[in-house]
């Protein structure tokens, strides 16, 4: 349900305040009856609204495409780059989509692609605090002190990283959850501690997970996943 003046504004007829004037002046009909009561609730999908003799409808938003891809190692997170395989080559869709953020060439795992510009901005910008979760293997085990240093934040490239959640999974394997995405951040953090990343896999972005996708496979997001991302 939606207030009548809000419906007229969303339909592009006029501002909400101006819509109130039109309603009070008897220029709006709902289901063939003149409505002059402000705050009247209508169902945009069922009720017929007419303004100054012309039917009114809210224009449908363009249908956006939302894709989850398990990016393999060796593939570049780019829309165009010569002489290398790019993520767009892996996705068979008629719509033009763009990767949200990046996974470096040597990393693998979850990458979202969409043509929804607003969502792209919200997921890419660190101010929105969307989490990114990774499983990382290192050449040799990191000490508990090293993992604690990563969790509290450390300086790389002259910038201090934001606090992160870090948990050891095995001797040389740990899980890390970030709310930012500096260039090759995890690799540089590990290198600053005198170690080296041998495998890096992103398993989650916000609430989106791989759901069993093998490297190179992709899927469309479900309606419930899209709703949670776009609300």
Protein backbone atom coordinates (compact mmCIF):
# COMPACT_ATOMS: atom_id res chain seq x y z
CA UNK A 1 0.00 0.00 0.00
CA UNK A 2 1.09 3.57 -0.72
CA UNK A 3 -0.24 7.05 -0.01
CA UNK A 4 -1.87 8.60 -3.06
CA UNK A 5 0.34 11.70 -3.06
CA UNK A 6 3.45 9.55 -2.81
CA UNK A 7 2.22 7.44 -5.74
CA UNK A 8 1.74 10.54 -7.91
CA UNK A 9 5.23 11.75 -7.01
CA UNK A 10 6.84 8.38 -7.79
CA UNK A 11 5.00 8.31 -11.10
CA UNK A 12 6.72 11.57 -12.03
CA UNK A 13 3.54 13.65 -12.16
CA UNK A 14 4.71 16.29 -9.68
CA UNK A 15 6.22 16.76 -6.24
CA UNK A 16 4.48 15.23 -3.25
CA UNK A 17 3.40 18.66 -1.98
CA UNK A 18 1.99 19.59 -5.38
CA UNK A 19 0.20 16.23 -5.50
CA UNK A 20 -1.57 17.12 -2.27
CA UNK A 21 -2.87 20.30 -3.91
CA UNK A 22 -4.15 18.34 -6.93
CA UNK A 23 -5.93 15.89 -4.62
CA UNK A 24 -7.57 18.67 -2.59
CA UNK A 25 -8.67 20.32 -5.86
CA UNK A 26 -10.44 17.14 -6.97
CA UNK A 27 -8.15 16.43 -9.92
CA UNK A 28 -7.40 12.83 -8.98
CA UNK A 29 -9.63 9.77 -9.30
CA UNK A 30 -9.10 6.34 -7.80
CA UNK A 31 -11.16 3.54 -9.34
CA UNK A 32 -13.31 6.14 -11.14
CA UNK A 33 -14.09 8.07 -7.95
CA UNK A 34 -12.75 11.53 -7.13
CA UNK A 35 -10.55 11.44 -4.01
CA UNK A 36 -9.97 14.60 -1.98
CA UNK A 37 -8.81 13.04 1.28
CA UNK A 38 -5.08 13.43 1.91
CA UNK A 39 -3.35 10.27 3.08
CA UNK A 40 -5.65 7.99 1.08
CA UNK A 41 -3.93 4.61 0.71
CA UNK A 42 -3.88 2.80 -2.64
CA UNK A 43 -2.50 -0.44 -3.99
CA UNK A 44 -0.39 0.51 -7.06
CA UNK A 45 -0.83 -2.98 -8.53
CA UNK A 46 -4.62 -3.12 -8.21
CA UNK A 47 -6.08 0.39 -8.04
CA UNK A 48 -6.64 2.56 -11.11
CA UNK A 49 -5.44 6.13 -10.66
CA UNK A 50 -6.38 8.91 -13.08
CA UNK A 51 -4.98 12.47 -12.99
CA UNK A 52 -6.69 15.17 -15.06
CA UNK A 53 -8.32 12.47 -17.18
CA UNK A 54 -5.16 10.47 -17.87
CA UNK A 55 -4.23 7.09 -16.31
CA UNK A 56 -1.19 7.16 -14.04
CA UNK A 57 1.29 4.33 -13.47
CA UNK A 58 4.68 4.10 -11.81
CA UNK A 59 7.36 3.37 -14.31
CA UNK A 60 9.03 0.05 -13.69
CA UNK A 61 12.65 0.18 -12.66
CA UNK A 62 15.00 -1.44 -15.18
CA UNK A 63 15.61 -5.12 -14.52
CA UNK A 64 19.14 -5.40 -13.21
CA UNK A 65 21.34 -8.47 -13.39
CA UNK A 66 23.12 -9.88 -10.32
CA UNK A 67 25.67 -12.67 -10.67
CA UNK A 68 27.95 -14.58 -8.30
CA UNK A 69 31.10 -16.02 -9.89
CA UNK A 70 33.80 -18.25 -8.46
CA UNK A 71 36.79 -16.57 -10.07
CA UNK A 72 39.64 -19.01 -10.77
CA UNK A 73 43.32 -18.17 -10.37
CA UNK A 74 44.87 -16.60 -13.45
CA UNK A 75 41.74 -14.66 -14.46
CA UNK A 76 41.74 -10.86 -14.22
CA UNK A 77 38.89 -8.97 -12.52
CA UNK A 78 38.44 -6.53 -15.38
CA UNK A 79 35.95 -5.76 -18.13
CA UNK A 80 38.61 -5.26 -20.79
CA UNK A 81 42.29 -6.15 -20.91
CA UNK A 82 44.30 -7.39 -23.86
CA UNK A 83 45.94 -10.79 -24.08
CA UNK A 84 44.59 -12.10 -20.76
CA UNK A 85 41.46 -13.95 -19.71
CA UNK A 86 39.01 -11.68 -17.90
CA UNK A 87 36.02 -12.49 -15.69
CA UNK A 88 33.52 -11.29 -18.30
CA UNK A 89 34.72 -14.14 -20.54
CA UNK A 90 33.40 -16.63 -17.96
CA UNK A 91 29.85 -15.28 -17.74
CA UNK A 92 27.39 -16.13 -20.50
CA UNK A 93 24.77 -13.39 -20.25
CA UNK A 94 23.32 -10.91 -22.73
CA UNK A 95 23.46 -8.10 -20.17
CA UNK A 96 26.56 -5.97 -19.77
CA UNK A 97 27.74 -6.52 -16.18
CA UNK A 98 30.70 -5.22 -14.21
CA UNK A 99 32.71 -6.76 -11.37
CA UNK A 100 32.14 -5.31 -7.92
CA UNK A 101 35.61 -4.63 -6.57
CA UNK A 102 38.50 -6.86 -7.54
CA UNK A 103 40.24 -10.10 -6.77
CA UNK A 104 43.85 -10.05 -7.89
CA UNK A 105 44.94 -12.42 -10.63
CA UNK A 106 46.52 -14.91 -8.23
CA UNK A 107 43.45 -15.07 -5.95
CA UNK A 108 40.22 -16.99 -6.41
CA UNK A 109 36.72 -17.11 -5.02
CA UNK A 110 33.55 -15.07 -4.88
CA UNK A 111 33.18 -12.10 -7.21
CA UNK A 112 29.88 -10.29 -7.74
CA UNK A 113 28.98 -8.82 -11.12
CA UNK A 114 26.07 -6.47 -11.79
CA UNK A 115 24.82 -3.57 -13.89
CA UNK A 116 23.15 -1.97 -10.85
CA UNK A 117 25.25 1.16 -10.38
CA UNK A 118 23.85 2.04 -6.95
CA UNK A 119 24.57 -1.42 -5.57
CA UNK A 120 28.01 -1.39 -7.16
CA UNK A 121 28.80 1.80 -5.24
CA UNK A 122 27.41 0.53 -1.92
CA UNK A 123 29.38 -2.72 -2.06
CA UNK A 124 32.58 -1.09 -3.26
CA UNK A 125 32.77 1.86 -0.88
CA UNK A 126 34.24 1.08 2.57
CA UNK A 127 31.89 3.52 4.33
CA UNK A 128 29.02 1.02 3.96
CA UNK A 129 30.86 -1.59 6.08
CA UNK A 130 30.05 -4.62 3.95
CA UNK A 131 32.08 -7.62 5.07
CA UNK A 132 34.38 -9.67 2.85
CA UNK A 133 35.52 -13.06 4.15
CA UNK A 134 38.62 -14.97 3.00
CA UNK A 135 40.41 -18.23 3.67
CA UNK A 136 44.17 -17.75 3.46
CA UNK A 137 47.05 -20.23 3.37
CA UNK A 138 50.60 -19.09 4.08
CA UNK A 139 54.04 -20.53 3.35
CA UNK A 140 54.63 -21.15 7.05
CA UNK A 141 52.32 -20.83 10.06
CA UNK A 142 51.70 -17.35 11.43
CA UNK A 143 52.07 -17.00 15.19
CA UNK A 144 49.13 -16.09 17.41
CA UNK A 145 50.82 -12.75 17.90
CA UNK A 146 50.89 -12.17 14.12
CA UNK A 147 47.20 -13.02 13.79
CA UNK A 148 46.42 -10.65 16.65
CA UNK A 149 48.43 -7.90 14.93
CA UNK A 150 46.38 -8.36 11.76
CA UNK A 151 43.12 -8.23 13.70
CA UNK A 152 44.01 -4.94 15.40
CA UNK A 153 45.16 -3.27 12.20
CA UNK A 154 48.63 -2.68 10.80
CA UNK A 155 50.35 -0.20 8.53
CA UNK A 156 50.78 -1.11 4.86
CA UNK A 157 51.69 1.36 2.11
CA UNK A 158 51.60 4.12 4.71
CA UNK A 159 47.99 3.39 5.73
CA UNK A 160 46.73 1.59 8.81
CA UNK A 161 44.24 -1.15 8.03
CA UNK A 162 40.91 -1.24 9.82
CA UNK A 163 40.37 -3.86 12.56
CA UNK A 164 39.49 -7.30 11.22
CA UNK A 165 38.25 -10.64 12.56
CA UNK A 166 40.98 -13.26 12.27
CA UNK A 167 40.75 -16.94 13.24
CA UNK A 168 43.22 -19.79 12.77
CA UNK A 169 41.75 -22.77 10.91
CA UNK A 170 44.88 -24.92 10.75
CA UNK A 171 48.63 -24.54 11.20
CA UNK A 172 49.19 -22.32 8.16
CA UNK A 173 45.56 -21.51 7.31
CA UNK A 174 43.42 -18.72 8.73
CA UNK A 175 40.07 -17.03 8.15
CA UNK A 176 39.89 -13.24 7.94
CA UNK A 177 36.88 -10.91 7.65
CA UNK A 178 37.54 -7.38 6.35
CA UNK A 179 35.38 -4.28 5.98
CA UNK A 180 37.72 -2.66 3.47
CA UNK A 181 39.61 -3.70 0.38
CA UNK A 182 42.97 -2.02 -0.07
CA UNK A 183 45.00 -3.18 -3.06
CA UNK A 184 46.36 -6.69 -2.31
CA UNK A 185 45.71 -5.94 1.35
CA UNK A 186 45.90 -9.44 2.82
CA UNK A 187 49.01 -10.37 0.85
CA UNK A 188 50.77 -7.18 1.94
CA UNK A 189 49.77 -7.70 5.58
CA UNK A 190 51.22 -11.20 5.54
CA UNK A 191 54.38 -10.03 3.77
CA UNK A 192 54.86 -7.28 6.36
CA UNK A 193 54.89 -10.04 8.97
CA UNK A 194 57.68 -11.81 7.07
CA UNK A 195 55.54 -14.53 5.52
CA UNK A 196 53.98 -15.23 2.12
CA UNK A 197 50.45 -16.09 0.92
CA UNK A 198 50.29 -19.28 -1.12
CA UNK A 199 46.50 -19.42 -1.54
CA UNK A 200 43.76 -16.81 -1.07
CA UNK A 201 40.07 -17.56 -1.55
CA UNK A 202 37.18 -15.17 -0.98
CA UNK A 203 34.20 -17.14 0.33
CA UNK A 204 31.72 -14.36 1.17
CA UNK A 205 30.72 -10.78 0.30
CA UNK A 206 28.11 -9.28 2.62
CA UNK A 207 25.68 -12.22 3.02
CA UNK A 208 26.42 -13.75 -0.42
CA UNK A 209 28.35 -17.04 -0.39
CA UNK A 210 29.74 -19.31 -3.09
CA UNK A 211 27.13 -22.04 -2.42
CA UNK A 212 29.22 -24.84 -3.91
CA UNK A 213 30.28 -23.06 -7.09
CA UNK A 214 33.43 -24.58 -8.54
CA UNK A 215 36.16 -22.32 -9.97
CA UNK A 216 34.85 -20.84 -13.22
CA UNK A 217 31.20 -21.52 -12.42
CA UNK A 218 28.62 -18.77 -11.88
CA UNK A 219 25.00 -18.34 -10.90
CA UNK A 220 22.32 -15.64 -10.74
CA UNK A 221 21.58 -14.39 -7.24
CA UNK A 222 18.28 -15.51 -5.74
CA UNK A 223 15.48 -13.00 -5.17
CA UNK A 224 16.01 -13.15 -1.40
CA UNK A 225 19.74 -12.45 -1.85
CA UNK A 226 18.96 -9.49 -4.11
CA UNK A 227 16.43 -8.08 -1.63
CA UNK A 228 18.95 -8.19 1.22
CA UNK A 229 21.61 -6.51 -0.91
CA UNK A 230 19.38 -3.74 -2.23
CA UNK A 231 17.34 -2.88 0.86
